[in-house]
């Protein structure tokens, strides 16, 4: 039976990278709610216009509308087999909606958590630096440049530190993630459908574990 893979991971856990690997190497489509909402900013369909109005008002997009967008997208031909959901469900209510969709599409749900301790995530995110010329990514804790705050390949370039990667902002993002995601993890754990991979391993090792699970 084909699967709906619910991929879960905190900011900085490497979820996007792994989803991309699975899509590129195994041909499993990655369905990202973030990407879909961005596309809707310029789309001219009834639901896109509704989303644009809600966004312009500063209100949150309801579970029902989010679900309808996911349902419409996953009804396309590329989702006839197994696909990955990134960003949905975010709550136990949305998880219940996904159960109905899985039944309708005759698929089983498997939730996979890329598990990284919070202190490790903090270092990953606060330590990130990037070259403004070539985009090379460094980390002052795990992958520092040869010379402090200077790109290895462009020595004239001072490395950038993202404004939202400060210690204070990172702590807020991670705390919010943990509070919002715990009920979802509990939901899948109770039904025996939650699997975990060690997100502190090397990227290729994480990919090999994910490949076995999907």
N, C-alpha and C. Protein backbone atom coordinates (compact mmCIF):
# COMPACT_ATOMS: atom_id res chain seq x y z
N UNK A 1 0.85 -1.20 0.00
CA UNK A 1 0.00 0.00 0.00
C UNK A 1 0.88 1.25 0.00
N UNK A 2 0.47 2.25 -0.77
CA UNK A 2 1.20 3.52 -0.79
C UNK A 2 1.05 4.23 0.56
N UNK A 3 2.01 5.12 0.84
CA UNK A 3 2.03 5.79 2.13
C UNK A 3 1.93 7.30 2.00
N UNK A 4 1.44 7.90 3.06
CA UNK A 4 1.61 9.33 3.28
C UNK A 4 2.65 9.45 4.38
N UNK A 5 3.82 9.98 4.05
CA UNK A 5 4.88 10.16 5.03
C UNK A 5 4.76 11.54 5.65
N UNK A 6 4.45 11.59 6.94
CA UNK A 6 4.39 12.86 7.67
C UNK A 6 5.78 13.09 8.26
N UNK A 7 6.52 14.03 7.67
CA UNK A 7 7.90 14.28 8.10
C UNK A 7 7.90 15.42 9.11
N UNK A 8 8.43 15.13 10.30
CA UNK A 8 8.40 16.09 11.40
C UNK A 8 9.82 16.41 11.84
N UNK A 9 10.10 17.68 12.08
CA UNK A 9 11.42 18.08 12.56
C UNK A 9 11.42 19.53 12.98
N UNK A 10 12.16 19.84 14.02
CA UNK A 10 12.25 21.21 14.50
C UNK A 10 13.01 22.08 13.51
N UNK A 11 12.89 23.41 13.63
CA UNK A 11 13.73 24.30 12.82
C UNK A 11 15.20 23.93 13.02
N UNK A 12 15.93 23.76 11.92
CA UNK A 12 17.35 23.43 12.02
C UNK A 12 17.63 21.94 12.09
N UNK A 13 16.57 21.09 12.08
CA UNK A 13 16.77 19.64 12.18
C UNK A 13 17.21 19.01 10.86
N UNK A 14 17.08 19.74 9.76
CA UNK A 14 17.49 19.20 8.46
C UNK A 14 16.36 18.53 7.70
N UNK A 15 15.12 18.82 8.10
CA UNK A 15 13.95 18.19 7.48
C UNK A 15 13.86 18.51 5.99
N UNK A 16 14.07 19.78 5.64
CA UNK A 16 13.98 20.19 4.24
C UNK A 16 15.02 19.51 3.37
N UNK A 17 16.24 19.39 3.89
CA UNK A 17 17.32 18.73 3.15
C UNK A 17 16.98 17.28 2.89
N UNK A 18 16.49 16.58 3.92
CA UNK A 18 16.17 15.16 3.78
C UNK A 18 14.98 14.93 2.85
N UNK A 19 13.99 15.80 2.93
CA UNK A 19 12.83 15.69 2.03
C UNK A 19 13.29 15.86 0.58
N UNK A 20 14.23 16.78 0.37
CA UNK A 20 14.76 17.00 -0.98
C UNK A 20 15.52 15.77 -1.47
N UNK A 21 16.32 15.15 -0.59
CA UNK A 21 17.04 13.92 -0.95
C UNK A 21 16.05 12.82 -1.38
N UNK A 22 15.00 12.64 -0.60
CA UNK A 22 14.02 11.59 -0.90
C UNK A 22 13.31 11.85 -2.22
N UNK A 23 13.06 13.13 -2.50
CA UNK A 23 12.41 13.48 -3.76
C UNK A 23 13.35 13.27 -4.94
N UNK A 24 14.59 13.75 -4.81
CA UNK A 24 15.55 13.66 -5.92
C UNK A 24 16.00 12.23 -6.19
N UNK A 25 16.23 11.46 -5.12
CA UNK A 25 16.83 10.14 -5.27
C UNK A 25 15.82 9.00 -5.41
N UNK A 26 14.67 9.15 -4.78
CA UNK A 26 13.67 8.08 -4.82
C UNK A 26 12.43 8.47 -5.62
N UNK A 27 12.36 9.74 -6.01
CA UNK A 27 11.20 10.20 -6.78
C UNK A 27 9.93 10.33 -5.97
N UNK A 28 10.06 10.45 -4.63
CA UNK A 28 8.88 10.62 -3.78
C UNK A 28 8.58 12.12 -3.68
N UNK A 29 7.42 12.57 -4.18
CA UNK A 29 7.15 14.01 -4.16
C UNK A 29 7.04 14.57 -2.75
N UNK A 30 7.61 15.75 -2.56
CA UNK A 30 7.53 16.46 -1.28
C UNK A 30 6.45 17.53 -1.41
N UNK A 31 5.43 17.43 -0.58
CA UNK A 31 4.33 18.39 -0.61
C UNK A 31 4.48 19.30 0.60
N UNK A 32 4.91 20.52 0.36
CA UNK A 32 5.19 21.48 1.43
C UNK A 32 4.09 22.53 1.50
N UNK A 33 3.46 22.64 2.67
CA UNK A 33 2.40 23.66 2.80
C UNK A 33 2.99 25.06 2.66
N UNK A 34 4.22 25.25 3.14
CA UNK A 34 4.87 26.56 2.99
C UNK A 34 4.99 26.96 1.53
N UNK A 35 5.44 26.01 0.70
CA UNK A 35 5.56 26.26 -0.75
C UNK A 35 4.20 26.57 -1.37
N UNK A 36 3.18 25.81 -0.95
CA UNK A 36 1.84 26.00 -1.53
C UNK A 36 1.27 27.37 -1.18
N UNK A 37 1.47 27.81 0.06
CA UNK A 37 0.97 29.14 0.45
C UNK A 37 1.71 30.24 -0.31
N UNK A 38 3.01 30.04 -0.52
CA UNK A 38 3.78 31.04 -1.29
C UNK A 38 3.27 31.12 -2.74
N UNK A 39 2.97 29.96 -3.33
CA UNK A 39 2.45 29.94 -4.70
C UNK A 39 1.10 30.67 -4.78
N UNK A 40 0.32 30.55 -3.73
CA UNK A 40 -1.03 31.13 -3.74
C UNK A 40 -1.04 32.65 -3.72
N UNK A 41 0.09 33.23 -3.32
CA UNK A 41 0.16 34.69 -3.30
C UNK A 41 -0.03 35.27 -4.70
N UNK A 42 0.36 34.49 -5.73
CA UNK A 42 0.27 34.97 -7.11
C UNK A 42 -0.76 34.22 -7.95
N UNK A 43 -1.43 33.23 -7.34
CA UNK A 43 -2.38 32.42 -8.11
C UNK A 43 -3.73 33.14 -8.20
N UNK A 44 -4.53 32.76 -9.21
CA UNK A 44 -5.85 33.38 -9.39
C UNK A 44 -6.91 32.27 -9.46
N UNK A 45 -7.15 31.65 -8.31
CA UNK A 45 -8.20 30.65 -8.18
C UNK A 45 -9.06 31.08 -6.99
N UNK A 46 -10.28 30.53 -6.88
CA UNK A 46 -11.14 30.93 -5.75
C UNK A 46 -10.48 30.74 -4.39
N UNK A 47 -9.83 29.58 -4.17
CA UNK A 47 -9.23 29.34 -2.86
C UNK A 47 -7.98 30.21 -2.65
N UNK A 48 -7.24 30.48 -3.74
CA UNK A 48 -6.06 31.35 -3.64
C UNK A 48 -6.47 32.76 -3.27
N UNK A 49 -7.56 33.23 -3.87
CA UNK A 49 -8.05 34.58 -3.55
C UNK A 49 -8.51 34.66 -2.09
N UNK A 50 -9.12 33.58 -1.62
CA UNK A 50 -9.56 33.53 -0.22
C UNK A 50 -8.35 33.59 0.72
N UNK A 51 -7.30 32.82 0.39
CA UNK A 51 -6.07 32.81 1.20
C UNK A 51 -5.41 34.19 1.18
N UNK A 52 -5.38 34.83 0.01
CA UNK A 52 -4.78 36.16 -0.10
C UNK A 52 -5.49 37.17 0.80
N UNK A 53 -6.82 37.08 0.85
CA UNK A 53 -7.62 37.99 1.69
C UNK A 53 -7.31 37.76 3.16
N UNK A 54 -7.22 36.49 3.56
CA UNK A 54 -6.94 36.15 4.96
C UNK A 54 -5.54 36.63 5.34
N UNK A 55 -4.56 36.39 4.46
CA UNK A 55 -3.19 36.82 4.74
C UNK A 55 -3.10 38.35 4.86
N UNK A 56 -3.81 39.04 3.98
CA UNK A 56 -3.78 40.51 4.00
C UNK A 56 -4.38 41.07 5.29
N UNK A 57 -5.32 40.32 5.88
CA UNK A 57 -5.97 40.78 7.11
C UNK A 57 -5.14 40.46 8.35
N UNK A 58 -4.11 39.61 8.15
CA UNK A 58 -3.26 39.24 9.27
C UNK A 58 -3.82 38.10 10.11
N UNK A 59 -4.93 37.52 9.66
CA UNK A 59 -5.54 36.40 10.40
C UNK A 59 -4.84 35.09 10.04
N UNK A 60 -5.08 34.06 10.88
CA UNK A 60 -4.52 32.73 10.61
C UNK A 60 -5.42 31.99 9.64
N UNK A 61 -4.80 31.20 8.77
CA UNK A 61 -5.56 30.39 7.82
C UNK A 61 -6.13 29.19 8.58
N UNK A 62 -7.42 28.96 8.42
CA UNK A 62 -8.10 27.92 9.20
C UNK A 62 -7.63 26.52 8.82
N UNK A 63 -7.88 25.57 9.74
CA UNK A 63 -7.56 24.16 9.47
C UNK A 63 -8.29 23.67 8.22
N UNK A 64 -9.54 24.10 8.08
CA UNK A 64 -10.36 23.62 6.96
C UNK A 64 -9.78 24.06 5.62
N UNK A 65 -9.37 25.33 5.52
CA UNK A 65 -8.79 25.83 4.26
C UNK A 65 -7.45 25.16 3.99
N UNK A 66 -6.62 25.05 5.05
CA UNK A 66 -5.32 24.39 4.88
C UNK A 66 -5.52 22.97 4.38
N UNK A 67 -6.46 22.26 4.97
CA UNK A 67 -6.74 20.88 4.57
C UNK A 67 -7.21 20.82 3.12
N UNK A 68 -8.06 21.75 2.72
CA UNK A 68 -8.56 21.75 1.34
C UNK A 68 -7.42 21.95 0.35
N UNK A 69 -6.47 22.81 0.71
CA UNK A 69 -5.31 23.05 -0.16
C UNK A 69 -4.47 21.78 -0.28
N UNK A 70 -4.25 21.10 0.85
CA UNK A 70 -3.50 19.84 0.84
C UNK A 70 -4.23 18.78 0.02
N UNK A 71 -5.54 18.69 0.22
CA UNK A 71 -6.34 17.70 -0.50
C UNK A 71 -6.28 17.94 -2.01
N UNK A 72 -6.43 19.21 -2.43
CA UNK A 72 -6.37 19.54 -3.86
C UNK A 72 -5.01 19.19 -4.45
N UNK A 73 -3.95 19.54 -3.71
CA UNK A 73 -2.59 19.29 -4.23
C UNK A 73 -2.30 17.80 -4.33
N UNK A 74 -2.72 17.03 -3.32
CA UNK A 74 -2.38 15.60 -3.32
C UNK A 74 -3.31 14.77 -4.20
N UNK A 75 -4.28 15.43 -4.83
CA UNK A 75 -5.14 14.72 -5.79
C UNK A 75 -4.52 14.68 -7.18
N UNK A 76 -3.39 15.38 -7.34
CA UNK A 76 -2.72 15.40 -8.65
C UNK A 76 -2.03 14.05 -8.91
N UNK A 77 -1.70 13.84 -10.18
CA UNK A 77 -1.16 12.54 -10.62
C UNK A 77 0.13 12.15 -9.91
N UNK A 78 0.98 13.13 -9.57
CA UNK A 78 2.28 12.78 -8.97
C UNK A 78 2.13 12.23 -7.56
N UNK A 79 0.95 12.34 -6.97
CA UNK A 79 0.73 11.85 -5.60
C UNK A 79 -0.09 10.55 -5.57
N UNK A 80 -0.19 9.88 -6.71
CA UNK A 80 -0.94 8.61 -6.75
C UNK A 80 -0.27 7.56 -5.89
N UNK A 81 1.07 7.60 -5.83
CA UNK A 81 1.80 6.68 -4.98
C UNK A 81 2.13 7.33 -3.64
N UNK A 82 3.25 6.93 -3.06
CA UNK A 82 3.70 7.50 -1.79
C UNK A 82 4.12 8.96 -1.96
N UNK A 83 3.79 9.80 -0.99
CA UNK A 83 4.27 11.18 -1.01
C UNK A 83 4.61 11.62 0.41
N UNK A 84 5.40 12.70 0.49
CA UNK A 84 5.84 13.25 1.77
C UNK A 84 5.07 14.53 2.05
N UNK A 85 4.55 14.66 3.27
CA UNK A 85 3.91 15.91 3.71
C UNK A 85 4.87 16.65 4.63
N UNK A 86 5.15 17.89 4.28
CA UNK A 86 6.06 18.73 5.06
C UNK A 86 5.29 19.98 5.50
N UNK A 87 4.97 20.06 6.79
CA UNK A 87 4.22 21.22 7.29
C UNK A 87 2.76 20.94 7.56
N UNK A 88 2.31 19.75 7.27
CA UNK A 88 0.93 19.33 7.57
C UNK A 88 0.95 17.85 7.90
N UNK A 89 0.25 17.44 8.96
CA UNK A 89 -0.51 18.24 9.90
C UNK A 89 0.39 18.92 10.93
N UNK A 90 -0.10 20.00 11.53
CA UNK A 90 0.62 20.69 12.59
C UNK A 90 -0.07 20.51 13.95
N UNK A 91 -1.30 20.06 13.91
CA UNK A 91 -2.07 19.90 15.15
C UNK A 91 -2.78 18.55 15.12
N UNK A 92 -3.29 18.12 16.29
CA UNK A 92 -4.03 16.86 16.37
C UNK A 92 -5.32 16.95 15.55
N UNK A 93 -5.92 18.16 15.48
CA UNK A 93 -7.14 18.33 14.67
C UNK A 93 -6.82 18.08 13.19
N UNK A 94 -5.72 18.67 12.72
CA UNK A 94 -5.32 18.45 11.32
C UNK A 94 -4.95 16.99 11.08
N UNK A 95 -4.38 16.34 12.09
CA UNK A 95 -4.03 14.92 11.96
C UNK A 95 -5.29 14.08 11.74
N UNK A 96 -6.38 14.45 12.44
CA UNK A 96 -7.65 13.76 12.25
C UNK A 96 -8.18 13.94 10.84
N UNK A 97 -8.01 15.14 10.29
CA UNK A 97 -8.43 15.41 8.91
C UNK A 97 -7.63 14.56 7.93
N UNK A 98 -6.35 14.39 8.24
CA UNK A 98 -5.49 13.60 7.35
C UNK A 98 -5.90 12.14 7.36
N UNK A 99 -6.41 11.64 8.48
CA UNK A 99 -6.87 10.26 8.55
C UNK A 99 -7.95 10.02 7.50
N UNK A 100 -8.89 10.98 7.41
CA UNK A 100 -9.98 10.85 6.44
C UNK A 100 -9.45 10.87 5.01
N UNK A 101 -8.47 11.74 4.77
CA UNK A 101 -7.89 11.83 3.43
C UNK A 101 -7.15 10.53 3.07
N UNK A 102 -6.42 9.98 4.04
CA UNK A 102 -5.69 8.73 3.80
C UNK A 102 -6.66 7.60 3.43
N UNK A 103 -7.79 7.54 4.12
CA UNK A 103 -8.81 6.53 3.80
C UNK A 103 -9.33 6.72 2.39
N UNK A 104 -9.59 7.98 2.06
CA UNK A 104 -10.12 8.31 0.73
C UNK A 104 -9.13 7.94 -0.37
N UNK A 105 -7.83 8.17 -0.10
CA UNK A 105 -6.79 7.89 -1.10
C UNK A 105 -6.25 6.46 -1.00
N UNK A 106 -6.79 5.68 -0.06
CA UNK A 106 -6.35 4.30 0.16
C UNK A 106 -4.85 4.22 0.44
N UNK A 107 -4.40 5.04 1.39
CA UNK A 107 -2.99 5.06 1.79
C UNK A 107 -2.88 4.89 3.30
N UNK A 108 -1.73 4.42 3.75
CA UNK A 108 -1.49 4.37 5.19
C UNK A 108 -0.56 5.51 5.58
N UNK A 109 -0.69 5.97 6.82
CA UNK A 109 0.10 7.10 7.31
C UNK A 109 1.28 6.60 8.13
N UNK A 110 2.44 7.18 7.87
CA UNK A 110 3.63 6.89 8.68
C UNK A 110 4.26 8.22 9.05
N UNK A 111 4.44 8.44 10.35
CA UNK A 111 5.04 9.69 10.83
C UNK A 111 6.50 9.43 11.20
N UNK A 112 7.40 10.29 10.71
CA UNK A 112 8.83 10.14 11.01
C UNK A 112 9.35 11.44 11.60
N UNK A 113 9.95 11.33 12.77
CA UNK A 113 10.55 12.48 13.44
C UNK A 113 12.07 12.46 13.25
N UNK A 114 12.61 13.55 12.72
CA UNK A 114 14.07 13.73 12.70
C UNK A 114 14.42 14.34 14.05
N UNK A 115 14.93 13.50 14.93
CA UNK A 115 15.07 13.84 16.35
C UNK A 115 16.44 14.44 16.65
N UNK A 116 16.42 15.70 17.09
CA UNK A 116 17.66 16.40 17.46
C UNK A 116 17.44 17.09 18.81
N UNK A 117 18.32 16.88 19.81
CA UNK A 117 18.17 17.55 21.10
C UNK A 117 18.16 19.07 20.93
N UNK A 118 17.40 19.75 21.78
CA UNK A 118 17.23 21.20 21.65
C UNK A 118 18.56 21.95 21.78
N UNK A 119 19.45 21.50 22.69
CA UNK A 119 20.72 22.23 22.84
C UNK A 119 21.58 22.12 21.58
N UNK A 120 21.47 20.98 20.90
CA UNK A 120 22.19 20.78 19.64
C UNK A 120 21.62 21.70 18.56
N UNK A 121 20.30 21.80 18.52
CA UNK A 121 19.64 22.67 17.54
C UNK A 121 20.02 24.13 17.76
N UNK A 122 20.11 24.53 19.01
CA UNK A 122 20.49 25.92 19.31
C UNK A 122 21.86 26.23 18.72
N UNK A 123 22.81 25.32 18.90
CA UNK A 123 24.16 25.54 18.36
C UNK A 123 24.14 25.53 16.83
N UNK A 124 23.35 24.64 16.26
CA UNK A 124 23.25 24.59 14.79
C UNK A 124 22.77 25.93 14.24
N UNK A 125 21.77 26.50 14.90
CA UNK A 125 21.14 27.69 14.36
C UNK A 125 21.88 28.98 14.73
N UNK A 126 22.29 29.11 16.00
CA UNK A 126 23.00 30.33 16.40
C UNK A 126 24.40 30.36 15.82
N UNK A 127 24.95 29.19 15.50
CA UNK A 127 26.32 29.12 14.96
C UNK A 127 26.41 29.25 13.45
N UNK A 128 25.24 29.32 12.77
CA UNK A 128 25.24 29.39 11.31
C UNK A 128 25.82 30.69 10.79
N UNK A 129 26.67 30.58 9.79
CA UNK A 129 27.21 31.73 9.07
C UNK A 129 27.24 31.39 7.58
N UNK A 130 27.13 32.40 6.72
CA UNK A 130 27.15 32.13 5.29
C UNK A 130 27.94 33.20 4.55
N UNK A 131 28.54 32.78 3.43
CA UNK A 131 29.29 33.71 2.60
C UNK A 131 28.34 34.50 1.70
N UNK A 132 28.42 35.83 1.69
CA UNK A 132 27.51 36.63 0.86
C UNK A 132 27.82 36.51 -0.63
N UNK A 133 28.98 35.95 -0.97
CA UNK A 133 29.36 35.84 -2.39
C UNK A 133 28.96 34.48 -2.97
N UNK A 134 29.43 33.40 -2.33
CA UNK A 134 29.19 32.07 -2.91
C UNK A 134 28.10 31.28 -2.17
N UNK A 135 27.66 31.78 -1.02
CA UNK A 135 26.60 31.09 -0.28
C UNK A 135 27.06 29.92 0.56
N UNK A 136 28.37 29.69 0.63
CA UNK A 136 28.91 28.58 1.44
C UNK A 136 28.45 28.74 2.89
N UNK A 137 27.98 27.60 3.47
CA UNK A 137 27.46 27.62 4.84
C UNK A 137 28.52 27.11 5.81
N UNK A 138 28.68 27.83 6.91
CA UNK A 138 29.60 27.41 7.98
C UNK A 138 28.83 27.34 9.29
N UNK A 139 29.48 26.75 10.30
CA UNK A 139 28.94 26.79 11.65
C UNK A 139 30.12 26.94 12.62
N UNK A 140 30.06 27.95 13.46
CA UNK A 140 31.22 28.24 14.32
C UNK A 140 31.49 27.11 15.32
N UNK A 141 30.48 26.26 15.56
CA UNK A 141 30.67 25.13 16.48
C UNK A 141 31.07 23.84 15.75
N UNK A 142 30.44 23.59 14.60
CA UNK A 142 30.61 22.30 13.94
C UNK A 142 31.42 22.35 12.64
N UNK A 143 31.39 23.48 11.96
CA UNK A 143 32.12 23.59 10.69
C UNK A 143 32.64 25.02 10.55
N UNK A 144 33.61 25.39 11.39
CA UNK A 144 34.09 26.79 11.36
C UNK A 144 34.94 27.07 10.13
N UNK A 145 34.99 28.32 9.68
CA UNK A 145 35.90 28.68 8.58
C UNK A 145 37.35 28.62 9.08
N UNK A 146 38.31 28.55 8.15
CA UNK A 146 39.73 28.47 8.53
C UNK A 146 40.15 29.72 9.31
N UNK A 147 39.63 30.86 8.87
CA UNK A 147 39.91 32.12 9.57
C UNK A 147 38.60 32.70 10.09
N UNK A 148 38.65 33.23 11.30
CA UNK A 148 37.45 33.69 11.98
C UNK A 148 36.62 34.65 11.14
N UNK A 149 35.34 34.27 10.89
CA UNK A 149 34.34 35.12 10.23
C UNK A 149 34.68 35.50 8.79
N UNK A 150 35.52 34.67 8.14
CA UNK A 150 35.91 34.94 6.74
C UNK A 150 35.71 33.66 5.93
N UNK A 151 35.14 33.80 4.73
CA UNK A 151 34.92 32.65 3.85
C UNK A 151 36.25 32.02 3.43
N UNK A 152 36.31 30.69 3.38
CA UNK A 152 37.52 29.99 2.94
C UNK A 152 37.84 30.28 1.47
N UNK A 153 36.80 30.54 0.68
CA UNK A 153 36.98 30.70 -0.77
C UNK A 153 37.00 32.16 -1.21
N UNK A 154 36.44 33.02 -0.40
CA UNK A 154 36.43 34.46 -0.72
C UNK A 154 36.90 35.21 0.52
N UNK A 155 38.19 35.35 0.66
CA UNK A 155 38.77 35.90 1.89
C UNK A 155 38.44 37.39 2.09
N UNK A 156 37.91 38.01 1.04
CA UNK A 156 37.51 39.42 1.18
C UNK A 156 36.09 39.54 1.76
N UNK A 157 35.43 38.39 1.91
CA UNK A 157 34.02 38.42 2.32
C UNK A 157 33.85 38.08 3.79
N UNK A 158 33.22 38.98 4.52
CA UNK A 158 32.85 38.69 5.91
C UNK A 158 31.58 37.85 5.90
N UNK A 159 31.53 36.85 6.77
CA UNK A 159 30.38 35.95 6.80
C UNK A 159 29.14 36.63 7.39
N UNK A 160 27.98 36.26 6.84
CA UNK A 160 26.71 36.80 7.33
C UNK A 160 26.15 35.94 8.46
N UNK A 161 25.49 36.60 9.40
CA UNK A 161 24.78 35.92 10.48
C UNK A 161 23.33 36.36 10.41
N UNK A 162 22.42 35.43 10.14
CA UNK A 162 21.01 35.78 9.96
C UNK A 162 20.44 36.45 11.20
N UNK A 163 19.59 37.46 10.98
CA UNK A 163 19.01 38.22 12.10
C UNK A 163 18.14 37.36 13.00
N UNK A 164 17.52 36.31 12.44
CA UNK A 164 16.65 35.46 13.27
C UNK A 164 17.40 34.28 13.88
N UNK A 165 18.73 34.26 13.76
CA UNK A 165 19.54 33.20 14.36
C UNK A 165 20.22 33.65 15.66
N UNK A 166 19.70 34.70 16.28
CA UNK A 166 20.23 35.11 17.58
C UNK A 166 19.74 34.11 18.64
N UNK A 167 20.47 34.04 19.75
CA UNK A 167 20.14 33.06 20.79
C UNK A 167 18.71 33.24 21.30
N UNK A 168 18.31 34.49 21.53
CA UNK A 168 16.97 34.76 22.06
C UNK A 168 15.88 34.31 21.09
N UNK A 169 16.03 34.67 19.82
CA UNK A 169 15.01 34.32 18.83
C UNK A 169 14.96 32.82 18.57
N UNK A 170 16.12 32.18 18.57
CA UNK A 170 16.17 30.74 18.36
C UNK A 170 15.45 30.01 19.50
N UNK A 171 15.69 30.45 20.74
CA UNK A 171 15.02 29.82 21.90
C UNK A 171 13.50 29.92 21.78
N UNK A 172 13.02 31.09 21.34
CA UNK A 172 11.57 31.29 21.17
C UNK A 172 11.03 30.35 20.10
N UNK A 173 11.72 30.28 18.96
CA UNK A 173 11.27 29.41 17.86
C UNK A 173 11.22 27.96 18.28
N UNK A 174 12.24 27.50 19.01
CA UNK A 174 12.30 26.10 19.42
C UNK A 174 11.27 25.78 20.49
N UNK A 175 11.06 26.71 21.42
CA UNK A 175 10.04 26.50 22.46
C UNK A 175 8.66 26.43 21.85
N UNK A 176 8.38 27.33 20.91
CA UNK A 176 7.09 27.34 20.21
C UNK A 176 6.88 26.03 19.45
N UNK A 177 7.93 25.59 18.75
CA UNK A 177 7.85 24.33 18.01
C UNK A 177 7.52 23.17 18.95
N UNK A 178 8.24 23.11 20.07
CA UNK A 178 8.06 21.99 21.00
C UNK A 178 6.64 21.97 21.56
N UNK A 179 6.13 23.14 21.96
CA UNK A 179 4.78 23.23 22.53
C UNK A 179 3.72 22.82 21.50
N UNK A 180 3.90 23.28 20.26
CA UNK A 180 2.90 23.01 19.21
C UNK A 180 2.96 21.57 18.71
N UNK A 181 4.16 20.97 18.72
CA UNK A 181 4.34 19.66 18.09
C UNK A 181 4.13 18.49 19.03
N UNK A 182 4.27 18.70 20.34
CA UNK A 182 4.14 17.59 21.29
C UNK A 182 2.81 16.84 21.14
N UNK A 183 1.66 17.54 21.05
CA UNK A 183 0.40 16.80 20.87
C UNK A 183 0.38 15.95 19.60
N UNK A 184 1.02 16.44 18.55
CA UNK A 184 1.07 15.70 17.28
C UNK A 184 1.92 14.43 17.43
N UNK A 185 3.07 14.55 18.10
CA UNK A 185 3.93 13.38 18.33
C UNK A 185 3.20 12.36 19.21
N UNK A 186 2.50 12.85 20.23
CA UNK A 186 1.72 11.95 21.11
C UNK A 186 0.65 11.23 20.31
N UNK A 187 0.02 11.95 19.40
CA UNK A 187 -1.07 11.38 18.57
C UNK A 187 -0.56 10.18 17.77
N UNK A 188 0.59 10.34 17.12
CA UNK A 188 1.11 9.25 16.30
C UNK A 188 1.78 8.16 17.13
N UNK A 189 2.33 8.55 18.27
CA UNK A 189 2.99 7.56 19.13
C UNK A 189 1.96 6.59 19.71
N UNK A 190 0.81 7.13 20.12
CA UNK A 190 -0.24 6.28 20.72
C UNK A 190 -0.74 5.23 19.75
N UNK A 191 -0.74 5.56 18.46
CA UNK A 191 -1.23 4.60 17.46
C UNK A 191 -0.10 3.75 16.88
N UNK A 192 1.12 3.91 17.44
CA UNK A 192 2.25 3.08 17.01
C UNK A 192 2.78 3.42 15.62
N UNK A 193 2.50 4.63 15.17
CA UNK A 193 2.93 4.99 13.81
C UNK A 193 4.05 6.03 13.78
N UNK A 194 4.62 6.33 14.95
CA UNK A 194 5.71 7.31 14.99
C UNK A 194 7.06 6.59 14.99
N UNK A 195 7.89 6.94 14.01
CA UNK A 195 9.25 6.42 13.96
C UNK A 195 10.21 7.58 14.12
N UNK A 196 11.41 7.29 14.64
CA UNK A 196 12.38 8.35 14.88
C UNK A 196 13.71 8.00 14.24
N UNK A 197 14.37 9.02 13.70
CA UNK A 197 15.75 8.85 13.22
C UNK A 197 16.62 9.84 13.97
N UNK A 198 17.86 9.48 14.18
CA UNK A 198 18.80 10.33 14.92
C UNK A 198 19.26 11.47 14.02
N UNK A 199 18.77 12.66 14.31
CA UNK A 199 19.08 13.81 13.47
C UNK A 199 20.44 14.42 13.72
N UNK A 200 21.24 13.84 14.67
CA UNK A 200 22.59 14.36 14.90
C UNK A 200 23.62 13.61 14.06
N UNK A 201 23.19 12.56 13.35
CA UNK A 201 24.11 11.82 12.47
C UNK A 201 24.49 12.67 11.25
N UNK A 202 25.44 12.16 10.47
CA UNK A 202 25.78 12.80 9.19
C UNK A 202 24.56 12.75 8.27
N UNK A 203 24.46 13.73 7.34
CA UNK A 203 23.31 13.82 6.46
C UNK A 203 23.04 12.53 5.69
N UNK A 204 24.11 11.90 5.18
CA UNK A 204 23.92 10.67 4.41
C UNK A 204 23.44 9.52 5.28
N UNK A 205 23.91 9.47 6.53
CA UNK A 205 23.47 8.42 7.45
C UNK A 205 21.98 8.59 7.78
N UNK A 206 21.56 9.85 7.96
CA UNK A 206 20.14 10.13 8.22
C UNK A 206 19.31 9.70 7.01
N UNK A 207 19.81 10.03 5.83
CA UNK A 207 19.08 9.66 4.61
C UNK A 207 18.92 8.14 4.49
N UNK A 208 19.98 7.39 4.81
CA UNK A 208 19.90 5.93 4.71
C UNK A 208 18.83 5.38 5.66
N UNK A 209 18.76 5.96 6.87
CA UNK A 209 17.73 5.52 7.83
C UNK A 209 16.33 5.85 7.32
N UNK A 210 16.17 7.06 6.79
CA UNK A 210 14.87 7.46 6.25
C UNK A 210 14.46 6.57 5.08
N UNK A 211 15.41 6.26 4.24
CA UNK A 211 15.15 5.40 3.06
C UNK A 211 14.59 4.06 3.50
N UNK A 212 15.15 3.50 4.58
CA UNK A 212 14.65 2.21 5.10
C UNK A 212 13.21 2.34 5.57
N UNK A 213 12.89 3.47 6.20
CA UNK A 213 11.56 3.65 6.79
C UNK A 213 10.48 3.93 5.74
N UNK A 214 10.86 4.60 4.66
CA UNK A 214 9.85 4.93 3.64
C UNK A 214 9.70 3.82 2.61
